[in-house]
Protein backbone atom coordinates (compact mmCIF):
# COMPACT_ATOMS: atom_id res chain seq x y z
CA MET A 1 9.37 145.21 1.60
CA HIS A 2 6.73 147.86 1.78
CA LEU A 3 5.89 149.02 5.28
CA SER A 4 3.04 151.42 5.52
CA TRP A 5 2.77 153.16 9.17
CA ASN A 6 -0.84 153.96 8.50
CA PHE A 7 -1.44 150.18 8.16
CA PHE A 8 0.57 149.56 11.26
CA ALA A 9 -1.56 152.16 13.09
CA LEU A 10 -4.77 150.26 12.08
CA VAL A 11 -3.74 146.77 12.80
CA LEU A 12 -1.84 147.43 16.08
CA VAL A 13 -4.29 149.61 17.87
CA CYS A 14 -7.67 148.79 16.64
CA SER A 15 -6.67 145.44 17.90
CA CYS A 16 -6.27 146.86 21.48
CA LEU A 17 -9.52 148.74 22.23
CA GLU A 18 -10.33 147.21 25.60
CA PRO A 19 -12.87 146.28 28.20
CA VAL A 20 -15.39 147.55 30.59
CA ALA A 21 -18.44 146.47 32.55
CA HIS A 22 -21.85 147.68 32.38
CA LYS A 23 -21.60 151.63 32.11
CA VAL A 24 -18.40 153.80 32.16
CA ILE A 25 -19.34 157.12 33.86
CA ALA A 26 -16.13 158.85 33.29
CA GLN A 27 -13.71 159.14 30.37
CA THR A 28 -10.36 159.41 32.35
CA PRO A 29 -8.69 156.69 34.22
CA ALA A 30 -8.48 158.81 37.50
CA SER A 31 -12.21 159.15 37.71
CA ALA A 32 -13.57 155.79 35.73
CA ALA A 33 -16.60 154.54 37.53
CA VAL A 34 -18.79 151.65 36.58
CA ARG A 35 -22.54 151.82 37.11
CA GLN A 36 -23.89 148.18 38.05
CA GLU A 37 -26.72 146.73 36.07
CA PRO A 38 -29.20 144.60 38.03
CA ALA A 39 -27.64 141.17 39.00
CA ALA A 40 -27.87 138.27 36.52
CA ALA A 41 -27.37 134.58 36.37
CA HIS A 42 -24.17 134.99 34.59
CA PRO A 43 -20.79 136.14 36.34
CA ASP A 44 -19.88 139.84 36.40
CA PRO A 45 -18.06 140.52 33.40
CA THR A 46 -16.33 143.84 35.44
CA ALA A 47 -15.20 141.21 38.17
CA ILE A 48 -13.50 138.88 35.54
CA VAL A 49 -11.66 141.71 33.90
CA ARG A 50 -10.50 142.98 37.09
CA LYS A 51 -9.34 139.51 38.20
CA MET A 52 -7.50 139.30 35.09
CA VAL A 53 -5.82 142.70 35.46
CA ASP A 54 -4.76 142.10 39.01
CA PHE A 55 -3.13 138.67 38.00
CA TYR A 56 -0.84 140.46 35.44
CA ARG A 57 -0.11 143.25 38.04
CA LYS A 58 1.32 140.67 40.39
CA THR A 59 3.91 139.40 37.89
CA ARG A 60 7.16 141.16 37.68
CA CYS A 61 8.16 139.55 34.30
CA LEU A 62 6.22 138.24 31.43
CA GLU A 63 6.50 136.94 28.08
CA VAL A 64 3.92 135.93 25.11
CA ARG A 65 3.54 135.65 21.57
CA CYS A 66 0.89 137.29 19.59
CA GLU A 67 -0.38 136.72 16.03
CA ILE A 68 -2.43 139.69 14.86
CA VAL A 69 -4.69 139.18 11.97
CA ASP A 70 -5.99 142.26 10.15
CA ARG A 71 -9.09 141.99 7.89
CA PHE A 72 -9.98 145.15 5.78
CA LYS A 73 -12.76 145.19 3.02
CA ALA A 74 -13.59 148.35 1.13
CA ASP A 75 -13.34 147.97 -2.69
CA LYS A 76 -11.83 144.45 -2.04
CA GLU A 77 -10.87 142.40 0.71
CA THR A 78 -7.39 142.12 2.18
CA THR A 79 -6.03 140.12 5.08
CA THR A 80 -2.52 140.63 6.77
CA THR A 81 -0.95 138.55 9.49
CA MET A 82 1.66 140.06 11.87
CA ASN A 83 3.72 138.00 14.45
CA ALA A 84 4.90 139.77 17.57
CA THR A 85 6.75 138.85 20.73
CA ILE A 86 6.58 140.85 24.01
CA VAL A 87 8.79 140.36 27.09
CA ALA A 88 8.67 142.81 29.89
CA GLN A 89 10.63 143.06 33.30
CA TRP A 90 9.74 145.45 35.84
CA PRO A 91 10.99 148.32 36.64
CA ASN A 92 11.97 149.35 32.90
CA ARG A 93 13.02 146.59 30.65
CA LEU A 94 10.86 145.86 27.62
CA ALA A 95 10.93 144.28 24.16
CA PHE A 96 8.13 144.51 21.65
CA ARG A 97 9.18 142.95 18.22
CA VAL A 98 6.85 142.49 15.33
CA GLU A 99 7.60 140.84 11.98
CA VAL A 100 5.28 141.17 8.72
CA ASP A 101 6.44 139.82 5.48
CA ASN A 102 9.98 140.72 5.03
CA GLY A 103 10.23 143.65 7.41
CA GLN A 104 10.12 144.19 10.98
CA MET A 105 9.74 146.93 13.69
CA GLY A 106 9.88 147.18 17.41
CA LEU A 107 11.08 148.71 20.62
CA ALA A 108 13.83 147.37 22.91
CA CYS A 109 14.93 148.78 26.37
CA ASP A 110 17.60 147.34 28.28
CA GLY A 111 16.98 149.54 31.44
CA SER A 112 19.77 151.76 30.43
CA LYS A 113 19.12 152.64 26.71
CA MET A 114 15.95 152.37 24.64
CA TRP A 115 15.74 151.84 20.75
CA ILE A 116 12.97 152.02 18.32
CA TYR A 117 13.64 150.58 14.78
CA CYS A 118 11.84 149.70 11.80
CA GLY A 119 13.12 148.03 8.37
CA PRO A 120 14.23 145.07 6.46
CA ASN A 121 14.26 141.86 8.51
CA PRO A 122 17.83 140.39 7.97
CA ALA A 123 16.42 136.91 8.87
CA LYS A 124 14.05 137.17 6.07
CA PRO A 125 15.71 138.66 2.96
CA ALA A 126 13.54 140.29 0.59
CA PRO A 127 13.11 138.64 -2.72
CA SER A 128 13.97 141.86 -4.62
CA LYS A 129 17.56 143.05 -4.46
CA GLU A 130 16.57 146.48 -3.78
CA SER A 131 15.51 147.00 -0.14
CA PRO A 132 14.97 150.08 1.81
CA ASP A 133 17.28 151.11 4.72
CA GLY A 134 16.16 150.36 8.04
CA VAL A 135 16.16 153.14 10.66
CA PHE A 136 16.21 153.29 14.28
CA ARG A 137 16.79 156.05 17.21
CA GLU A 138 18.48 155.50 20.35
CA SER A 139 17.77 157.27 23.43
CA LYS A 140 17.96 157.06 27.38
CA ALA A 141 15.83 154.66 29.00
CA PRO A 142 12.70 155.88 30.90
CA ASP A 143 12.59 155.00 34.49
CA SER A 144 9.60 152.88 34.57
CA LEU A 145 7.48 150.79 32.09
CA ALA A 146 4.70 153.47 32.50
CA GLU A 147 6.59 156.17 31.55
CA GLN A 148 8.05 154.18 28.46
CA LEU A 149 4.29 153.56 27.43
CA GLU A 150 3.31 157.08 28.08
CA TYR A 151 5.84 158.87 25.92
CA GLU A 152 8.10 156.49 24.02
CA VAL A 153 5.87 154.18 22.93
CA SER A 154 3.02 156.61 22.39
CA ASP A 155 5.10 159.32 20.61
CA GLY A 156 7.55 156.75 19.17
CA MET A 157 6.97 153.37 17.64
CA ILE A 158 3.32 153.05 17.88
CA GLY A 159 2.37 156.68 18.38
CA MET A 160 -0.41 157.09 15.87
CA MET A 161 -2.61 154.09 16.46
CA PRO A 162 -6.28 154.25 16.97
CA GLY A 163 -7.55 153.61 20.51
CA GLU A 164 -4.92 152.82 22.68
CA ARG A 165 -2.24 150.08 22.17
CA PRO A 166 -1.83 146.45 22.23
CA LEU A 167 -3.48 144.61 25.03
CA VAL A 168 -0.41 143.37 26.64
CA LEU A 169 1.29 146.67 26.65
CA THR A 170 -1.79 148.24 28.47
CA LEU A 171 -1.35 145.56 31.17
CA LEU A 172 1.92 146.96 31.95
CA ASP A 173 0.53 150.49 32.71
CA ASP A 174 0.43 151.65 36.41
CA ASP A 175 -3.60 151.50 36.36
CA PRO A 176 -4.30 149.18 33.64
CA PHE A 177 -7.87 148.77 34.77
CA ALA A 178 -8.71 152.34 34.31
CA VAL A 179 -7.19 152.58 30.86
CA LEU A 180 -9.10 149.32 29.81
CA MET A 181 -12.25 151.00 30.99
CA ARG A 182 -11.79 154.52 29.65
CA ASP A 183 -13.99 154.55 26.62
CA VAL A 184 -16.20 151.53 27.14
CA ASN A 185 -19.78 151.98 27.14
CA THR A 186 -21.39 148.55 27.85
CA VAL A 187 -20.15 144.99 28.54
CA THR A 188 -22.09 141.88 28.07
CA TYR A 189 -21.26 138.32 29.35
CA VAL A 190 -21.49 136.08 26.17
CA GLY A 191 -21.06 133.01 27.98
CA LYS A 192 -18.41 130.20 28.98
CA GLU A 193 -17.29 128.16 25.99
CA ARG A 194 -14.31 126.39 24.26
CA LEU A 195 -11.79 128.36 22.39
CA GLY A 196 -9.56 125.54 21.08
CA ASP A 197 -8.94 122.89 23.70
CA GLN A 198 -9.38 125.77 26.66
CA LEU A 199 -12.48 126.85 28.50
CA VAL A 200 -12.94 130.57 28.64
CA HIS A 201 -15.15 133.45 29.49
CA HIS A 202 -16.36 135.18 26.39
CA ILE A 203 -17.09 138.95 27.17
CA ALA A 204 -18.32 141.58 24.42
CA CYS A 205 -17.55 145.11 24.75
CA SER A 206 -18.95 148.12 23.10
CA GLN A 207 -17.46 151.65 22.44
CA ASP A 208 -18.26 154.50 20.45
CA VAL A 209 -16.00 153.73 17.70
CA CYS A 210 -15.23 150.00 17.93
CA ASN A 211 -16.97 147.07 19.40
CA TRP A 212 -14.57 144.29 20.62
CA GLU A 213 -14.67 141.02 22.45
CA ILE A 214 -12.28 139.27 24.78
CA TRP A 215 -11.84 135.48 25.81
CA ILE A 216 -10.08 134.97 29.12
CA ALA A 217 -9.12 131.57 30.44
CA ALA A 218 -11.74 130.23 32.89
CA ASP A 219 -10.36 127.16 34.26
CA ARG A 220 -7.02 128.41 35.38
CA GLU A 221 -5.12 131.58 35.70
CA PRO A 222 -7.20 134.40 34.21
CA LEU A 223 -4.88 134.51 30.94
CA VAL A 224 -6.00 136.67 27.86
CA LEU A 225 -6.24 134.26 24.98
CA GLN A 226 -7.76 136.43 22.20
CA VAL A 227 -9.13 139.88 21.50
CA LYS A 228 -11.17 140.64 18.36
CA THR A 229 -12.19 143.92 17.53
CA ASP A 230 -14.87 145.13 14.98
CA THR A 231 -13.16 147.94 12.79
CA THR A 232 -15.78 148.38 10.45
CA GLN A 233 -16.85 151.83 11.65
CA ILE A 234 -13.27 153.00 11.21
CA VAL A 235 -13.02 151.41 7.76
CA LYS A 236 -16.19 152.90 6.47
CA PHE A 237 -14.99 156.61 8.00
CA MET A 238 -11.73 156.34 6.25
CA THR A 239 -12.92 155.30 2.78
CA ALA A 240 -14.48 157.71 0.59
CA ASN A 241 -17.03 154.67 -0.39
CA TYR A 242 -19.32 154.62 2.55
CA ALA A 243 -20.94 151.44 1.38
CA GLU A 244 -22.72 148.98 3.92
CA SER A 245 -20.56 146.17 2.55
CA ASN A 246 -17.33 147.94 3.87
CA SER A 247 -16.08 146.13 7.03
CA GLY A 248 -12.85 145.08 9.15
CA SER A 249 -11.79 143.31 12.17
CA VAL A 250 -8.52 142.85 13.87
CA THR A 251 -7.88 139.59 15.94
CA GLN A 252 -4.94 139.25 18.49
CA ARG A 253 -4.21 135.57 19.38
CA PHE A 254 -1.91 135.12 22.59
CA THR A 255 0.17 131.98 23.12
CA GLY A 256 2.98 131.01 25.21
CA TRP A 257 2.33 132.89 28.27
CA SER A 258 5.37 132.65 30.56
CA PHE A 259 5.09 133.53 34.27
CA PRO A 260 7.78 134.27 35.53
CA CYS A 261 9.65 134.68 32.48
CA MET A 262 13.26 133.45 32.12
CA ALA A 263 14.28 136.87 30.47
CA LYS A 264 17.93 137.39 29.58
CA ALA A 265 19.86 140.49 29.07
CA ALA A 266 20.10 139.74 25.34
CA ASP A 267 16.28 139.78 25.13
CA PHE A 268 16.29 143.36 25.74
CA ALA A 269 19.11 144.38 23.52
CA PHE A 270 19.19 145.68 19.90
CA SER A 271 22.22 145.60 17.53
CA PRO A 272 21.49 147.55 14.35
CA PRO A 273 21.65 145.35 11.46
CA LYS A 274 23.76 146.22 8.47
CA GLY A 275 22.19 148.96 6.49
CA TYR A 276 20.11 150.67 9.29
CA VAL A 277 20.69 154.13 9.93
CA ASN A 278 20.62 156.02 13.30
CA THR A 279 17.95 158.59 12.60
CA PRO A 280 17.51 160.86 16.03
CA ASP A 281 14.05 162.20 14.90
CA PHE A 282 12.74 158.96 13.54
CA ARG A 283 9.31 158.15 14.60
CA ALA A 284 7.27 155.21 13.27
CA SER A 285 4.30 157.37 12.32
CA PRO A 286 4.57 159.26 8.86
CA ARG A 287 6.70 162.35 8.64
CA PRO A 288 6.39 165.46 6.48
CA SER A 289 7.52 165.04 3.09
CA SER A 290 9.52 168.14 3.36
CA PRO A 291 10.37 169.67 6.76
CA ILE A 292 8.19 172.39 8.15
CA GLU A 293 10.07 175.65 8.17
CA VAL A 294 10.36 177.23 11.57
CA ARG A 295 10.23 180.94 11.76
CA LYS A 296 8.40 181.05 8.60
CA THR A 297 5.13 183.11 8.50
CA VAL A 298 2.12 181.14 8.06
CA PRO A 299 -0.26 181.46 5.18
CA ASP A 300 -3.03 184.00 5.56
CA ILE A 301 -5.89 181.81 5.47
CA SER A 302 -9.12 180.75 7.56
CA ILE A 303 -9.75 177.25 8.33
CA PRO A 304 -13.41 176.44 8.32
CA LEU A 305 -14.14 174.13 11.54
CA ILE A 306 -16.66 171.34 11.60
CA ASP A 307 -18.57 173.16 14.07
CA GLY A 308 -19.44 176.14 11.80
CA ARG A 309 -16.59 178.58 13.26
CA ARG A 310 -13.44 179.60 11.57
CA LEU A 311 -9.89 179.75 12.75
CA LYS A 312 -7.49 182.17 11.36
CA LEU A 313 -3.87 181.13 11.18
CA ARG A 314 -2.54 184.89 11.26
CA HIS A 315 -4.89 185.27 14.33
CA GLY A 316 -3.67 188.71 15.65
CA PRO A 317 -3.29 189.59 19.49
CA ASP A 318 -6.38 188.04 20.96
CA VAL A 319 -5.00 184.65 20.54
CA LYS A 320 -1.44 184.20 21.87
CA ALA A 321 -0.71 181.01 20.07
CA ILE A 322 -2.30 178.15 18.01
CA VAL A 323 -1.21 174.66 18.29
CA LEU A 324 -1.95 172.99 14.80
CA CYS A 325 -1.97 169.40 14.66
CA TYR A 326 -2.30 167.99 10.84
CA GLY A 327 -2.78 164.54 9.99
CA GLN A 328 -5.35 161.74 9.59
CA GLN A 329 -5.81 162.30 13.46
CA THR A 330 -9.49 161.59 14.21
CA GLY A 331 -11.47 159.78 11.63
CA SER A 332 -9.17 157.38 10.30
CA VAL A 333 -7.00 156.43 13.59
CA VAL A 334 -9.02 157.74 16.70
CA ASN A 335 -5.93 158.01 18.47
CA THR A 336 -7.42 158.03 22.09
CA ARG A 337 -4.15 158.87 23.87
CA ASP A 338 -3.11 161.58 21.60
CA LEU A 339 -6.36 163.25 21.51
CA PHE A 340 -6.76 162.83 25.26
CA ARG A 341 -3.30 164.60 25.65
CA LEU A 342 -4.39 167.47 23.13
CA SER A 343 -7.60 168.10 24.87
CA LYS A 344 -6.07 168.21 28.12
CA LEU A 345 -3.59 170.77 26.77
CA ALA A 346 -6.43 172.90 25.41
CA ALA A 347 -8.21 173.19 28.72
CA GLN A 348 -4.98 173.94 30.63
CA TYR A 349 -3.76 176.82 28.20
CA GLU A 350 -7.29 177.99 27.25
CA ARG A 351 -7.08 181.12 29.57
CA ARG A 352 -3.85 182.03 28.40
CA GLY A 353 -5.16 182.49 24.78
CA VAL A 354 -3.85 179.33 23.12
CA ARG A 355 -6.14 177.47 20.67
CA VAL A 356 -5.58 174.06 19.64
CA CYS A 357 -6.98 172.68 16.33
CA VAL A 358 -6.70 169.25 15.02
CA VAL A 359 -6.92 169.07 11.30
CA ASP A 360 -8.00 165.73 9.83
CA SER A 361 -6.88 164.94 6.18
CA ALA A 362 -8.90 161.86 5.67
CA ILE A 363 -11.36 161.90 2.86
CA GLY A 364 -14.00 160.12 5.03
CA ALA A 365 -13.53 162.84 7.77
CA ALA A 366 -14.34 165.51 5.22
CA ALA A 367 -17.33 163.65 3.53
CA ARG A 368 -19.12 163.11 7.05
CA PRO A 369 -18.14 166.26 9.23
CA GLY A 370 -21.48 165.94 11.10
CA VAL A 371 -20.48 162.44 12.22
CA LEU A 372 -17.09 163.64 13.42
CA GLN A 373 -18.62 166.58 15.22
CA LYS A 374 -21.12 164.19 17.11
CA TRP A 375 -17.99 162.06 17.85
CA VAL A 376 -15.95 164.99 19.23
CA THR A 377 -18.62 166.25 21.32
CA SER A 378 -19.42 162.83 22.78
CA LYS A 379 -15.92 162.73 24.00
CA GLY A 380 -15.81 166.33 25.41
CA TYR A 381 -12.72 167.17 23.65
CA ARG A 382 -11.54 170.96 24.07
CA PHE A 383 -9.93 171.16 20.81
CA SER A 384 -11.44 172.49 17.55
CA VAL A 385 -11.45 170.28 14.67
CA ALA A 386 -11.29 171.12 10.81
CA THR A 387 -11.16 168.66 7.80
CA ASP A 388 -8.90 169.11 4.82
CA TRP A 389 -10.17 167.33 1.61
CA PRO A 390 -9.01 168.05 -1.30
CA ASN A 391 -5.91 169.16 0.90
CA LYS A 392 -6.09 172.95 0.71
CA ILE A 393 -4.43 173.60 4.10
CA ALA A 394 -1.73 171.28 3.26
CA GLN A 395 -1.04 172.94 -0.16
CA ALA A 396 -1.01 176.27 1.81
CA PHE A 397 2.01 174.77 3.87
CA GLY A 398 3.88 174.11 0.44
CA GLU A 399 2.96 169.97 0.51
CA ARG A 400 2.06 168.24 -2.59
CA GLU A 401 1.84 164.94 -1.06
CA PRO A 402 -0.56 165.36 1.93
CA ASN A 403 -1.17 161.46 2.46
CA LEU A 404 2.40 161.52 3.51
CA LEU A 405 2.11 164.71 5.76
CA GLU A 406 1.78 164.66 9.32
CA PHE A 407 2.96 167.80 11.50
CA THR A 408 2.36 169.74 14.51
CA VAL A 409 3.37 173.30 14.88
CA ILE A 410 3.03 176.14 17.29
CA ILE A 411 1.94 179.54 15.59
CA ASP A 412 2.67 182.81 17.76
CA GLU A 413 0.55 186.01 17.87
CA GLN A 414 2.42 187.25 14.85
CA GLY A 415 1.45 184.39 12.76
CA VAL A 416 5.12 182.88 12.58
CA ILE A 417 5.72 179.30 13.07
CA ARG A 418 7.67 179.00 16.36
CA ALA A 419 8.24 175.29 16.79
CA ALA A 420 7.34 171.82 15.12
CA PRO A 421 7.40 169.25 18.00
CA ASN A 422 7.67 165.77 17.24
CA SER A 423 5.35 164.64 19.73
CA HIS A 424 2.26 165.71 21.77
CA GLY A 425 3.76 164.89 25.08
CA ALA A 426 6.31 166.70 27.08
CA GLU A 427 8.08 168.17 24.06
CA LEU A 428 5.00 170.11 23.00
CA LYS A 429 4.37 171.38 26.38
CA ARG A 430 8.12 172.62 26.52
CA GLU A 431 7.98 174.37 23.24
CA LEU A 432 4.63 176.06 23.78
CA GLU A 433 5.90 177.25 27.35
CA ALA A 434 8.77 178.75 25.42
CA VAL A 435 6.42 180.65 23.11
CA LEU A 436 4.13 181.87 25.98
CA SER A 437 6.97 183.06 27.95
CA ASP A 438 7.13 186.30 25.89
CA VAL A 439 3.70 187.32 27.64
CA GLY A 440 5.04 186.38 30.98
CA SER A 441 1.91 184.29 32.35
CA SER A 442 1.71 180.73 33.53
CA PRO A 443 -0.78 177.98 32.44
CA THR A 444 -3.91 177.41 34.34
CA ARG A 445 -3.70 174.34 36.34
CA GLN A 446 -6.56 171.87 36.38
């Protein structure tokens, strides 16, 4: 079995970029607003989406199967199919299990404990006798599904996905309608048509990065039956060959919706298969090929930013701390939730002398910095962005396999790495506060 987490990132989240109607004014859930177009003969697609969301919010337990088909065409065309099952029960029980080839990955939370895991699937032995060890992480269960999605799913199993997360998981959020609408620019009602033997509303949505379509049942409960995302822009951006023939798409097909579901305790449990290793710092996204050494002085280099400025890592007293996030972060995966967090962090701590810099190691990002800068500006992100091809920054940190490298570090005013947090959520803020406590100020509240 060969599991590529960059592949999972592209498959699982490009498949989840979601709907809006007409025109989204704001980019955040709290202030999302829709500008209505003139009335037309067709139904209002916003109302259809809202009705769908409201239907799911009323249920306290759901179960569904999902087939995910990823098509990726660059030098050659490849198609990969994954099968997932999702069971959710309020307030905080969730099972999200994915199978691909001879491997599996997933998240299970029984209300008391939570596990994320990845490795060989014992029900489908690999043809080769040699098989990698499976890994899992056990932790205390969050109090709610929303908290689970905000931290553990985002920072854990599917943390480095482009866009948001699979549509079904988004429907479990506290305000799913706002999340669905966050990055959508326009929506078009394509028409009422047949999908298999079912009558559906076909809605097309456009975003800055990906266009996508959704099919919602029209003759009964407003169930989501299919979502298809055009990932062509991402495929072109993440490949060195920016050919017009490059293309991609991800299709999610949902079957077996069950309301209310007949979930049992065993559905949310996880028993580590033989050979699985308990790894407390396990994340599904790639980790550094060698650990970042905390308390080490950073290289004396100046990073050129895509807006023409430079960022000196040994920055001196004018900058109290630098949060440096390295990986294929922007151009290749477009991880909306993580980037939204980092932008919010940059705005919140700017007055305390904190600089947040995202370094993208994808060759596509380095080849088209102007495109990347335009995208960052359009989103209003408050952090700085640099590219790293051919991996000079990675090599300065002692890395020789930058494609495996992903890290976040906090560098203090002396140029010393003070922390290497594993997430961009609460852990990053705690570590940053510890570094800034030396100067005795408090963060600016937005």
